[in-house]
């Protein structure tokens, strides 16, 4: 088996794992939407998928996860919440993988990639929410955007900034990340 084929299989299996985590982690919030909005449990596996499997898998898993979770568990509600989250998480996975791929593998660039992905995803959420909430007869004001994107979500943002680099650094130190990237 050639190394490229082995890497593709590994990335596919890992992407499936991140999809499963994205479906299951929100159960930790006890299905209380306010806590889920604060801790953002679905975001973590999507960002990790982008970093570890690359932007293509990050984009795909980010797009699929909220929609599949809505279909399976009816949470988040499909329209407009899961749809807007699909756009947001797709950009999270895309930018995490793309920025991490393009920047030198230094700890500071890991944080820059993460923060860039988080900002890009939040901007996409705002644009998608503006469109889809508008189709639903609601208006997304600048104050509502800031409240949902930053003020309510700050605990989840903090968790992501602490947890994701810690996981990535631990994977790098263990040699798991290098073996994956060397085979890519």
Foldseek 3Di string as FASTA:
>chain_A
DALVVVLVVVLVVLLVVLLVQLLPQVVVLVPPVLSCLAQVRNQQSLLLSCQQNHLVSSLVSQLPRLCVSCVVPVPPPVFPPSVLSSQLRSLLSNQSRVQNVPDDPDLVSNLVSNVVSLVRSLVSSVVSCQVRVVVVVDHQDPVNSCCSSDVSHVNNVVCNSPPNSVVVVVCVVVVNRVVSVVSD
